[in-house]
């Protein structure tokens, strides 16, 4: 048995539009013997409902939902507030509808803080490398509002890796210049850029990770069965002092519990 803190991205098991569905997903997490869950916490752009959306899960309901999760013996590693804009996943560089996305993300930070797991992860959109790019300025403005709100409420905004190279994300973090600006690291998303080198580049910002793989032949995300160099990747995280969660993620919809259980077993060797 290794030393890693292993959890699961709860949406791997399906949606949580109702409390009953949330209970079912938590039961799945218990079945695969992980120690924490990262729930989804925003409604979907296509009309999908999430029981933990901050505009729905308010006041005493947040304490109730936290107790429901902890009653299964599970911790909360953080939350995911993934939104989309006209350009696709993230949308924090798209001016159309931007105010609503910023406000929803601020609400997610408040919910995360209230529920005792003050980390909110999301893909923000593809950050341009050039600071003179007009989209870069939009990203800086929108994410700046979000991280300043994070400072105020005691939560961090962890931008997920993979939409741009690590050095671009690092420069963006430096420009945000906020203790609430952090990174959620996903090694599978970073395969095209270098998952090990990316850890070293973003060392000062990583507060949460997704554990996911990518098999080049099948596309399956089961950890330990793909192209991620796990020995080197885990060693790099340990070398920077990372002691946070590894949230297993499988969005394939195929034999997910078996995939998550296999990934957990693999990670336990570390």
C-alpha atoms as a PDB file:
ATOM      1  CA  UNK A   1       0.000   0.000   0.000  1.00  0.00           C
ATOM      2  CA  UNK A   2       1.390   3.332  -1.059  1.00  0.00           C
ATOM      3  CA  UNK A   3       1.106   6.831   0.344  1.00  0.00           C
ATOM      4  CA  UNK A   4      -0.998   8.629  -2.293  1.00  0.00           C
ATOM      5  CA  UNK A   5      -4.343  10.166  -1.400  1.00  0.00           C
ATOM      6  CA  UNK A   6      -6.671   8.590  -3.935  1.00  0.00           C
ATOM      7  CA  UNK A   7     -10.132   9.874  -4.752  1.00  0.00           C
ATOM      8  CA  UNK A   8     -12.451   9.992  -7.754  1.00  0.00           C
ATOM      9  CA  UNK A   9     -13.964  12.612 -10.023  1.00  0.00           C
ATOM     10  CA  UNK A  10     -17.532  11.775  -9.067  1.00  0.00           C
ATOM     11  CA  UNK A  11     -19.027  12.587 -12.480  1.00  0.00           C
ATOM     12  CA  UNK A  12     -17.144   9.565 -13.839  1.00  0.00           C
ATOM     13  CA  UNK A  13     -20.090   7.506 -12.568  1.00  0.00           C
ATOM     14  CA  UNK A  14     -22.755   9.744 -14.106  1.00  0.00           C
ATOM     15  CA  UNK A  15     -24.791  12.839 -13.376  1.00  0.00           C
ATOM     16  CA  UNK A  16     -25.991  14.187 -10.047  1.00  0.00           C
ATOM     17  CA  UNK A  17     -29.199  15.968 -10.960  1.00  0.00           C
ATOM     18  CA  UNK A  18     -30.984  14.834  -7.781  1.00  0.00           C
ATOM     19  CA  UNK A  19     -30.043  13.856  -4.250  1.00  0.00           C
ATOM     20  CA  UNK A  20     -30.887  10.250  -5.090  1.00  0.00           C
ATOM     21  CA  UNK A  21     -28.427  10.330  -7.983  1.00  0.00           C
ATOM     22  CA  UNK A  22     -25.809  11.894  -5.724  1.00  0.00           C
ATOM     23  CA  UNK A  23     -26.290   9.048  -3.250  1.00  0.00           C
ATOM     24  CA  UNK A  24     -25.898   6.509  -6.051  1.00  0.00           C
ATOM     25  CA  UNK A  25     -22.645   8.094  -7.212  1.00  0.00           C
ATOM     26  CA  UNK A  26     -21.324   8.180  -3.653  1.00  0.00           C
ATOM     27  CA  UNK A  27     -22.179   4.500  -3.282  1.00  0.00           C
ATOM     28  CA  UNK A  28     -20.151   3.820  -6.433  1.00  0.00           C
ATOM     29  CA  UNK A  29     -17.218   5.701  -4.902  1.00  0.00           C
ATOM     30  CA  UNK A  30     -17.470   3.530  -1.791  1.00  0.00           C
ATOM     31  CA  UNK A  31     -17.647   0.408  -3.972  1.00  0.00           C
ATOM     32  CA  UNK A  32     -14.297   1.197  -5.594  1.00  0.00           C
ATOM     33  CA  UNK A  33     -12.657   1.930  -2.223  1.00  0.00           C
ATOM     34  CA  UNK A  34     -11.461   5.489  -2.789  1.00  0.00           C
ATOM     35  CA  UNK A  35     -11.102   7.940   0.079  1.00  0.00           C
ATOM     36  CA  UNK A  36     -12.497  11.134  -1.453  1.00  0.00           C
ATOM     37  CA  UNK A  37     -14.756  12.487  -4.154  1.00  0.00           C
ATOM     38  CA  UNK A  38     -14.630  15.568  -6.344  1.00  0.00           C
ATOM     39  CA  UNK A  39     -18.245  16.437  -7.214  1.00  0.00           C
ATOM     40  CA  UNK A  40     -19.471  18.448 -10.174  1.00  0.00           C
ATOM     41  CA  UNK A  41     -21.116  21.640  -8.924  1.00  0.00           C
ATOM     42  CA  UNK A  42     -22.685  23.583 -11.799  1.00  0.00           C
ATOM     43  CA  UNK A  43     -25.636  23.072 -14.111  1.00  0.00           C
ATOM     44  CA  UNK A  44     -24.753  22.087 -17.645  1.00  0.00           C
ATOM     45  CA  UNK A  45     -24.889  24.587 -20.482  1.00  0.00           C
ATOM     46  CA  UNK A  46     -27.251  22.294 -22.374  1.00  0.00           C
ATOM     47  CA  UNK A  47     -29.846  22.375 -19.619  1.00  0.00           C
ATOM     48  CA  UNK A  48     -28.436  19.610 -17.424  1.00  0.00           C
ATOM     49  CA  UNK A  49     -29.174  20.047 -13.737  1.00  0.00           C
ATOM     50  CA  UNK A  50     -26.696  19.585 -10.894  1.00  0.00           C
ATOM     51  CA  UNK A  51     -28.001  19.242  -7.343  1.00  0.00           C
ATOM     52  CA  UNK A  52     -24.878  21.032  -6.046  1.00  0.00           C
ATOM     53  CA  UNK A  53     -25.133  24.090  -8.296  1.00  0.00           C
ATOM     54  CA  UNK A  54     -24.479  27.080  -6.005  1.00  0.00           C
ATOM     55  CA  UNK A  55     -27.731  28.747  -7.067  1.00  0.00           C
ATOM     56  CA  UNK A  56     -29.625  25.639  -5.952  1.00  0.00           C
ATOM     57  CA  UNK A  57     -27.572  24.308  -3.047  1.00  0.00           C
ATOM     58  CA  UNK A  58     -27.776  27.177  -0.598  1.00  0.00           C
ATOM     59  CA  UNK A  59     -27.614  27.876   3.136  1.00  0.00           C
ATOM     60  CA  UNK A  60     -28.193  24.879   5.373  1.00  0.00           C
ATOM     61  CA  UNK A  61     -28.390  22.621   2.308  1.00  0.00           C
ATOM     62  CA  UNK A  62     -24.627  22.901   1.901  1.00  0.00           C
ATOM     63  CA  UNK A  63     -24.021  21.523   5.377  1.00  0.00           C
ATOM     64  CA  UNK A  64     -26.545  18.775   4.692  1.00  0.00           C
ATOM     65  CA  UNK A  65     -24.800  17.764   1.471  1.00  0.00           C
ATOM     66  CA  UNK A  66     -21.413  17.778   3.165  1.00  0.00           C
ATOM     67  CA  UNK A  67     -22.749  15.488   5.892  1.00  0.00           C
ATOM     68  CA  UNK A  68     -24.241  13.189   3.261  1.00  0.00           C
ATOM     69  CA  UNK A  69     -20.844  12.782   1.610  1.00  0.00           C
ATOM     70  CA  UNK A  70     -18.914  12.407   4.852  1.00  0.00           C
ATOM     71  CA  UNK A  71     -21.442   9.859   6.172  1.00  0.00           C
ATOM     72  CA  UNK A  72     -20.026   7.465   3.556  1.00  0.00           C
ATOM     73  CA  UNK A  73     -16.558   7.883   5.031  1.00  0.00           C
ATOM     74  CA  UNK A  74     -15.546  10.070   2.094  1.00  0.00           C
ATOM     75  CA  UNK A  75     -13.670  13.358   2.083  1.00  0.00           C
ATOM     76  CA  UNK A  76     -14.246  16.055  -0.525  1.00  0.00           C
ATOM     77  CA  UNK A  77     -11.097  16.792  -2.533  1.00  0.00           C
ATOM     78  CA  UNK A  78     -12.600  19.816  -4.254  1.00  0.00           C
ATOM     79  CA  UNK A  79     -15.300  20.669  -6.789  1.00  0.00           C
ATOM     80  CA  UNK A  80     -15.535  21.012 -10.575  1.00  0.00           C
ATOM     81  CA  UNK A  81     -17.297  24.052 -12.046  1.00  0.00           C
ATOM     82  CA  UNK A  82     -16.836  23.392 -15.741  1.00  0.00           C
ATOM     83  CA  UNK A  83     -18.664  25.849 -17.989  1.00  0.00           C
ATOM     84  CA  UNK A  84     -18.572  26.535 -21.719  1.00  0.00           C
ATOM     85  CA  UNK A  85     -18.738  29.593 -23.957  1.00  0.00           C
ATOM     86  CA  UNK A  86     -19.176  30.298 -27.661  1.00  0.00           C
ATOM     87  CA  UNK A  87     -15.647  29.035 -28.362  1.00  0.00           C
ATOM     88  CA  UNK A  88     -16.178  25.813 -26.442  1.00  0.00           C
ATOM     89  CA  UNK A  89     -14.949  24.435 -23.129  1.00  0.00           C
ATOM     90  CA  UNK A  90     -14.247  27.099 -20.524  1.00  0.00           C
ATOM     91  CA  UNK A  91     -15.452  30.277 -22.112  1.00  0.00           C
ATOM     92  CA  UNK A  92     -13.590  32.643 -19.805  1.00  0.00           C
ATOM     93  CA  UNK A  93     -11.974  34.254 -22.833  1.00  0.00           C
ATOM     94  CA  UNK A  94     -15.293  34.776 -24.642  1.00  0.00           C
ATOM     95  CA  UNK A  95     -16.959  38.104 -24.000  1.00  0.00           C
ATOM     96  CA  UNK A  96     -20.443  36.872 -24.940  1.00  0.00           C
ATOM     97  CA  UNK A  97     -22.160  35.706 -21.743  1.00  0.00           C
ATOM     98  CA  UNK A  98     -18.942  36.184 -19.768  1.00  0.00           C
ATOM     99  CA  UNK A  99     -20.439  37.975 -16.771  1.00  0.00           C
ATOM    100  CA  UNK A 100     -22.767  35.043 -16.059  1.00  0.00           C
ATOM    101  CA  UNK A 101     -19.886  32.544 -16.210  1.00  0.00           C
ATOM    102  CA  UNK A 102     -17.765  34.652 -13.893  1.00  0.00           C
ATOM    103  CA  UNK A 103     -20.598  34.985 -11.380  1.00  0.00           C
ATOM    104  CA  UNK A 104     -21.380  31.270 -11.510  1.00  0.00           C
ATOM    105  CA  UNK A 105     -17.726  30.455 -10.852  1.00  0.00           C
ATOM    106  CA  UNK A 106     -17.634  32.879  -7.934  1.00  0.00           C
ATOM    107  CA  UNK A 107     -20.663  31.086  -6.535  1.00  0.00           C
ATOM    108  CA  UNK A 108     -18.870  27.766  -6.879  1.00  0.00           C
ATOM    109  CA  UNK A 109     -15.942  29.145  -4.869  1.00  0.00           C
ATOM    110  CA  UNK A 110     -18.336  30.175  -2.102  1.00  0.00           C
ATOM    111  CA  UNK A 111     -19.966  26.737  -2.094  1.00  0.00           C
ATOM    112  CA  UNK A 112     -16.571  25.008  -1.962  1.00  0.00           C
ATOM    113  CA  UNK A 113     -15.489  27.130   0.991  1.00  0.00           C
ATOM    114  CA  UNK A 114     -18.781  26.551   2.808  1.00  0.00           C
ATOM    115  CA  UNK A 115     -18.501  22.787   2.303  1.00  0.00           C
ATOM    116  CA  UNK A 116     -14.956  22.628   3.672  1.00  0.00           C
ATOM    117  CA  UNK A 117     -13.158  21.777   0.419  1.00  0.00           C
ATOM    118  CA  UNK A 118     -12.046  25.156  -0.953  1.00  0.00           C
ATOM    119  CA  UNK A 119     -10.734  24.079  -4.361  1.00  0.00           C
ATOM    120  CA  UNK A 120     -12.662  24.641  -7.594  1.00  0.00           C
ATOM    121  CA  UNK A 121     -11.243  23.214 -10.807  1.00  0.00           C
ATOM    122  CA  UNK A 122     -12.115  24.010 -14.421  1.00  0.00           C
ATOM    123  CA  UNK A 123     -10.766  24.359 -17.925  1.00  0.00           C
ATOM    124  CA  UNK A 124     -10.895  28.106 -18.543  1.00  0.00           C
ATOM    125  CA  UNK A 125     -10.411  27.967 -22.324  1.00  0.00           C
ATOM    126  CA  UNK A 126      -7.302  28.148 -24.506  1.00  0.00           C
ATOM    127  CA  UNK A 127      -5.089  30.912 -23.126  1.00  0.00           C
ATOM    128  CA  UNK A 128      -3.111  32.623 -25.913  1.00  0.00           C
ATOM    129  CA  UNK A 129       0.648  32.777 -25.539  1.00  0.00           C
ATOM    130  CA  UNK A 130       0.876  36.409 -26.595  1.00  0.00           C
ATOM    131  CA  UNK A 131      -0.047  38.949 -23.954  1.00  0.00           C
ATOM    132  CA  UNK A 132      -1.029  41.409 -26.711  1.00  0.00           C
ATOM    133  CA  UNK A 133      -3.785  39.072 -27.895  1.00  0.00           C
ATOM    134  CA  UNK A 134      -7.199  40.574 -27.131  1.00  0.00           C
ATOM    135  CA  UNK A 135      -8.434  37.219 -25.788  1.00  0.00           C
ATOM    136  CA  UNK A 136      -5.547  37.161 -23.315  1.00  0.00           C
ATOM    137  CA  UNK A 137      -6.769  40.417 -21.843  1.00  0.00           C
ATOM    138  CA  UNK A 138     -10.286  38.990 -21.513  1.00  0.00           C
ATOM    139  CA  UNK A 139      -8.934  35.896 -19.741  1.00  0.00           C
ATOM    140  CA  UNK A 140      -6.893  38.089 -17.415  1.00  0.00           C
ATOM    141  CA  UNK A 141      -9.900  40.230 -16.559  1.00  0.00           C
ATOM    142  CA  UNK A 142     -12.355  37.365 -15.997  1.00  0.00           C
ATOM    143  CA  UNK A 143      -9.981  35.076 -14.108  1.00  0.00           C
ATOM    144  CA  UNK A 144      -8.714  38.075 -12.157  1.00  0.00           C
ATOM    145  CA  UNK A 145     -12.229  38.747 -10.892  1.00  0.00           C
ATOM    146  CA  UNK A 146     -12.616  35.086  -9.953  1.00  0.00           C
ATOM    147  CA  UNK A 147      -9.334  34.735  -8.052  1.00  0.00           C
ATOM    148  CA  UNK A 148      -9.874  37.988  -6.184  1.00  0.00           C
ATOM    149  CA  UNK A 149     -13.228  36.618  -5.071  1.00  0.00           C
ATOM    150  CA  UNK A 150     -11.440  33.412  -4.081  1.00  0.00           C
ATOM    151  CA  UNK A 151      -9.124  35.432  -1.861  1.00  0.00           C
ATOM    152  CA  UNK A 152     -12.159  37.048  -0.262  1.00  0.00           C
ATOM    153  CA  UNK A 153     -14.037  33.812   0.502  1.00  0.00           C
ATOM    154  CA  UNK A 154     -11.034  31.597   1.274  1.00  0.00           C
ATOM    155  CA  UNK A 155     -11.050  29.332  -1.773  1.00  0.00           C
ATOM    156  CA  UNK A 156      -8.720  28.724  -4.721  1.00  0.00           C
ATOM    157  CA  UNK A 157      -9.442  28.594  -8.443  1.00  0.00           C
ATOM    158  CA  UNK A 158      -7.482  25.680  -9.915  1.00  0.00           C
ATOM    159  CA  UNK A 159      -7.198  25.934 -13.690  1.00  0.00           C
ATOM    160  CA  UNK A 160      -6.831  22.574 -15.378  1.00  0.00           C
ATOM    161  CA  UNK A 161      -3.853  21.763 -17.565  1.00  0.00           C
ATOM    162  CA  UNK A 162      -3.885  20.667 -21.181  1.00  0.00           C
ATOM    163  CA  UNK A 163      -5.365  23.437 -23.274  1.00  0.00           C
ATOM    164  CA  UNK A 164      -2.012  25.230 -23.616  1.00  0.00           C
ATOM    165  CA  UNK A 165       1.632  24.420 -22.807  1.00  0.00           C
ATOM    166  CA  UNK A 166       2.717  24.597 -19.169  1.00  0.00           C
ATOM    167  CA  UNK A 167       4.900  27.672 -19.672  1.00  0.00           C
ATOM    168  CA  UNK A 168       1.924  29.628 -21.031  1.00  0.00           C
ATOM    169  CA  UNK A 169      -0.219  28.702 -18.047  1.00  0.00           C
ATOM    170  CA  UNK A 170       2.619  29.593 -15.687  1.00  0.00           C
ATOM    171  CA  UNK A 171       3.026  33.042 -17.247  1.00  0.00           C
ATOM    172  CA  UNK A 172      -0.714  33.570 -16.913  1.00  0.00           C
ATOM    173  CA  UNK A 173      -0.541  32.605 -13.231  1.00  0.00           C
ATOM    174  CA  UNK A 174       2.264  35.089 -12.722  1.00  0.00           C
ATOM    175  CA  UNK A 175       0.215  37.819 -14.370  1.00  0.00           C
ATOM    176  CA  UNK A 176      -2.790  37.028 -12.162  1.00  0.00           C
ATOM    177  CA  UNK A 177      -0.474  37.389  -9.150  1.00  0.00           C
ATOM    178  CA  UNK A 178      -2.942  35.949  -6.653  1.00  0.00           C
ATOM    179  CA  UNK A 179      -2.644  33.306  -3.922  1.00  0.00           C
ATOM    180  CA  UNK A 180      -6.013  32.008  -5.137  1.00  0.00           C
ATOM    181  CA  UNK A 181      -4.714  31.271  -8.659  1.00  0.00           C
ATOM    182  CA  UNK A 182      -3.764  27.588  -8.727  1.00  0.00           C
ATOM    183  CA  UNK A 183      -3.564  24.543 -11.010  1.00  0.00           C
ATOM    184  CA  UNK A 184      -5.379  21.234 -11.305  1.00  0.00           C
ATOM    185  CA  UNK A 185      -2.885  18.962 -13.047  1.00  0.00           C
ATOM    186  CA  UNK A 186      -4.029  16.235 -15.456  1.00  0.00           C
ATOM    187  CA  UNK A 187      -1.143  14.187 -16.897  1.00  0.00           C
ATOM    188  CA  UNK A 188      -3.182  12.662 -19.737  1.00  0.00           C
ATOM    189  CA  UNK A 189      -4.159  16.122 -20.940  1.00  0.00           C
ATOM    190  CA  UNK A 190      -0.478  17.062 -20.911  1.00  0.00           C
ATOM    191  CA  UNK A 191       0.827  14.146 -22.976  1.00  0.00           C
ATOM    192  CA  UNK A 192       1.279  16.338 -26.059  1.00  0.00           C
ATOM    193  CA  UNK A 193       3.265  18.883 -24.063  1.00  0.00           C
ATOM    194  CA  UNK A 194       5.191  16.657 -21.645  1.00  0.00           C
ATOM    195  CA  UNK A 195       3.460  15.621 -18.400  1.00  0.00           C
ATOM    196  CA  UNK A 196       6.632  15.365 -16.307  1.00  0.00           C
ATOM    197  CA  UNK A 197       8.267  18.617 -17.378  1.00  0.00           C
ATOM    198  CA  UNK A 198       4.931  20.360 -16.882  1.00  0.00           C
ATOM    199  CA  UNK A 199       4.923  19.410 -13.202  1.00  0.00           C
ATOM    200  CA  UNK A 200       8.269  21.101 -12.711  1.00  0.00           C
ATOM    201  CA  UNK A 201       7.149  24.196 -14.617  1.00  0.00           C
ATOM    202  CA  UNK A 202       3.921  24.559 -12.602  1.00  0.00           C
ATOM    203  CA  UNK A 203       5.342  23.341  -9.297  1.00  0.00           C
ATOM    204  CA  UNK A 204       4.359  26.434  -7.320  1.00  0.00           C
ATOM    205  CA  UNK A 205       0.708  26.232  -8.331  1.00  0.00           C
ATOM    206  CA  UNK A 206      -0.448  22.586  -8.269  1.00  0.00           C
ATOM    207  CA  UNK A 207      -3.071  21.983  -5.544  1.00  0.00           C
ATOM    208  CA  UNK A 208      -5.132  19.132  -7.017  1.00  0.00           C
ATOM    209  CA  UNK A 209      -4.686  16.478  -9.694  1.00  0.00           C
ATOM    210  CA  UNK A 210      -6.804  14.289 -11.919  1.00  0.00           C
ATOM    211  CA  UNK A 211      -5.502  10.768 -12.363  1.00  0.00           C
ATOM    212  CA  UNK A 212      -6.241   9.786 -15.938  1.00  0.00           C
ATOM    213  CA  UNK A 213      -4.413   7.967 -18.699  1.00  0.00           C
ATOM    214  CA  UNK A 214      -4.769   7.651 -22.452  1.00  0.00           C
ATOM    215  CA  UNK A 215      -4.154   4.400 -24.271  1.00  0.00           C
ATOM    216  CA  UNK A 216      -2.871   5.314 -27.757  1.00  0.00           C
ATOM    217  CA  UNK A 217      -4.547   2.288 -29.346  1.00  0.00           C
ATOM    218  CA  UNK A 218      -7.930   2.229 -27.589  1.00  0.00           C
ATOM    219  CA  UNK A 219      -8.242   5.733 -26.186  1.00  0.00           C
ATOM    220  CA  UNK A 220      -9.215   4.280 -22.811  1.00  0.00           C
ATOM    221  CA  UNK A 221      -8.403   6.458 -19.792  1.00  0.00           C
ATOM    222  CA  UNK A 222      -7.740   3.695 -17.238  1.00  0.00           C
ATOM    223  CA  UNK A 223      -4.759   4.703 -15.113  1.00  0.00           C
ATOM    224  CA  UNK A 224      -1.714   2.510 -15.661  1.00  0.00           C
ATOM    225  CA  UNK A 225      -2.885   1.238 -19.047  1.00  0.00           C
ATOM    226  CA  UNK A 226      -1.862   4.141 -21.285  1.00  0.00           C
ATOM    227  CA  UNK A 227       0.927   6.479 -22.295  1.00  0.00           C
ATOM    228  CA  UNK A 228       1.387   8.474 -19.075  1.00  0.00           C
ATOM    229  CA  UNK A 229       4.858   7.735 -17.593  1.00  0.00           C
ATOM    230  CA  UNK A 230       3.559   7.183 -14.077  1.00  0.00           C
ATOM    231  CA  UNK A 231       6.868   6.404 -12.347  1.00  0.00           C
ATOM    232  CA  UNK A 232       8.436   9.633 -13.550  1.00  0.00           C
ATOM    233  CA  UNK A 233       5.241  11.647 -13.090  1.00  0.00           C
ATOM    234  CA  UNK A 234       4.655  10.560  -9.488  1.00  0.00           C
ATOM    235  CA  UNK A 235       8.334  11.067  -8.699  1.00  0.00           C
ATOM    236  CA  UNK A 236       8.128  14.618 -10.090  1.00  0.00           C
ATOM    237  CA  UNK A 237       5.070  15.413  -7.950  1.00  0.00           C
ATOM    238  CA  UNK A 238       6.756  14.026  -4.848  1.00  0.00           C
ATOM    239  CA  UNK A 239       9.908  16.007  -5.611  1.00  0.00           C
ATOM    240  CA  UNK A 240       7.963  19.298  -5.511  1.00  0.00           C
ATOM    241  CA  UNK A 241       6.288  18.327  -2.232  1.00  0.00           C
ATOM    242  CA  UNK A 242       2.826  17.673  -3.635  1.00  0.00           C
ATOM    243  CA  UNK A 243       0.688  15.907  -1.023  1.00  0.00           C
ATOM    244  CA  UNK A 244      -2.812  16.537  -2.392  1.00  0.00           C
ATOM    245  CA  UNK A 245      -5.427  14.306  -3.950  1.00  0.00           C
ATOM    246  CA  UNK A 246      -5.262  12.147  -7.063  1.00  0.00           C
ATOM    247  CA  UNK A 247      -8.857  12.132  -8.331  1.00  0.00           C
ATOM    248  CA  UNK A 248      -9.300   9.219 -10.720  1.00  0.00           C
ATOM    249  CA  UNK A 249     -11.299  10.240 -13.786  1.00  0.00           C
ATOM    250  CA  UNK A 250     -12.951   8.121 -16.472  1.00  0.00           C
ATOM    251  CA  UNK A 251     -15.522   9.816 -18.693  1.00  0.00           C
ATOM    252  CA  UNK A 252     -15.730   6.929 -21.182  1.00  0.00           C
ATOM    253  CA  UNK A 253     -19.051   5.635 -19.861  1.00  0.00           C
ATOM    254  CA  UNK A 254     -17.786   2.064 -20.317  1.00  0.00           C
ATOM    255  CA  UNK A 255     -17.149  -0.230 -17.337  1.00  0.00           C
ATOM    256  CA  UNK A 256     -16.277   2.817 -15.302  1.00  0.00           C
ATOM    257  CA  UNK A 257     -16.311   1.230 -11.835  1.00  0.00           C
ATOM    258  CA  UNK A 258     -13.901  -1.473 -13.014  1.00  0.00           C
ATOM    259  CA  UNK A 259     -11.681   1.146 -14.631  1.00  0.00           C
ATOM    260  CA  UNK A 260     -11.590   3.322 -11.504  1.00  0.00           C
ATOM    261  CA  UNK A 261     -10.906   0.306  -9.283  1.00  0.00           C
ATOM    262  CA  UNK A 262      -8.048  -0.775 -11.556  1.00  0.00           C
ATOM    263  CA  UNK A 263      -6.620   2.743 -11.463  1.00  0.00           C
ATOM    264  CA  UNK A 264      -6.841   2.829  -7.682  1.00  0.00           C
ATOM    265  CA  UNK A 265      -5.023  -0.477  -7.402  1.00  0.00           C
ATOM    266  CA  UNK A 266      -2.314   0.789  -9.745  1.00  0.00           C
ATOM    267  CA  UNK A 267      -1.780   4.036  -7.824  1.00  0.00           C
ATOM    268  CA  UNK A 268      -1.606   2.214  -4.493  1.00  0.00           C
ATOM    269  CA  UNK A 269       1.838   0.908  -5.465  1.00  0.00           C
ATOM    270  CA  UNK A 270       3.172   4.461  -4.985  1.00  0.00           C
END
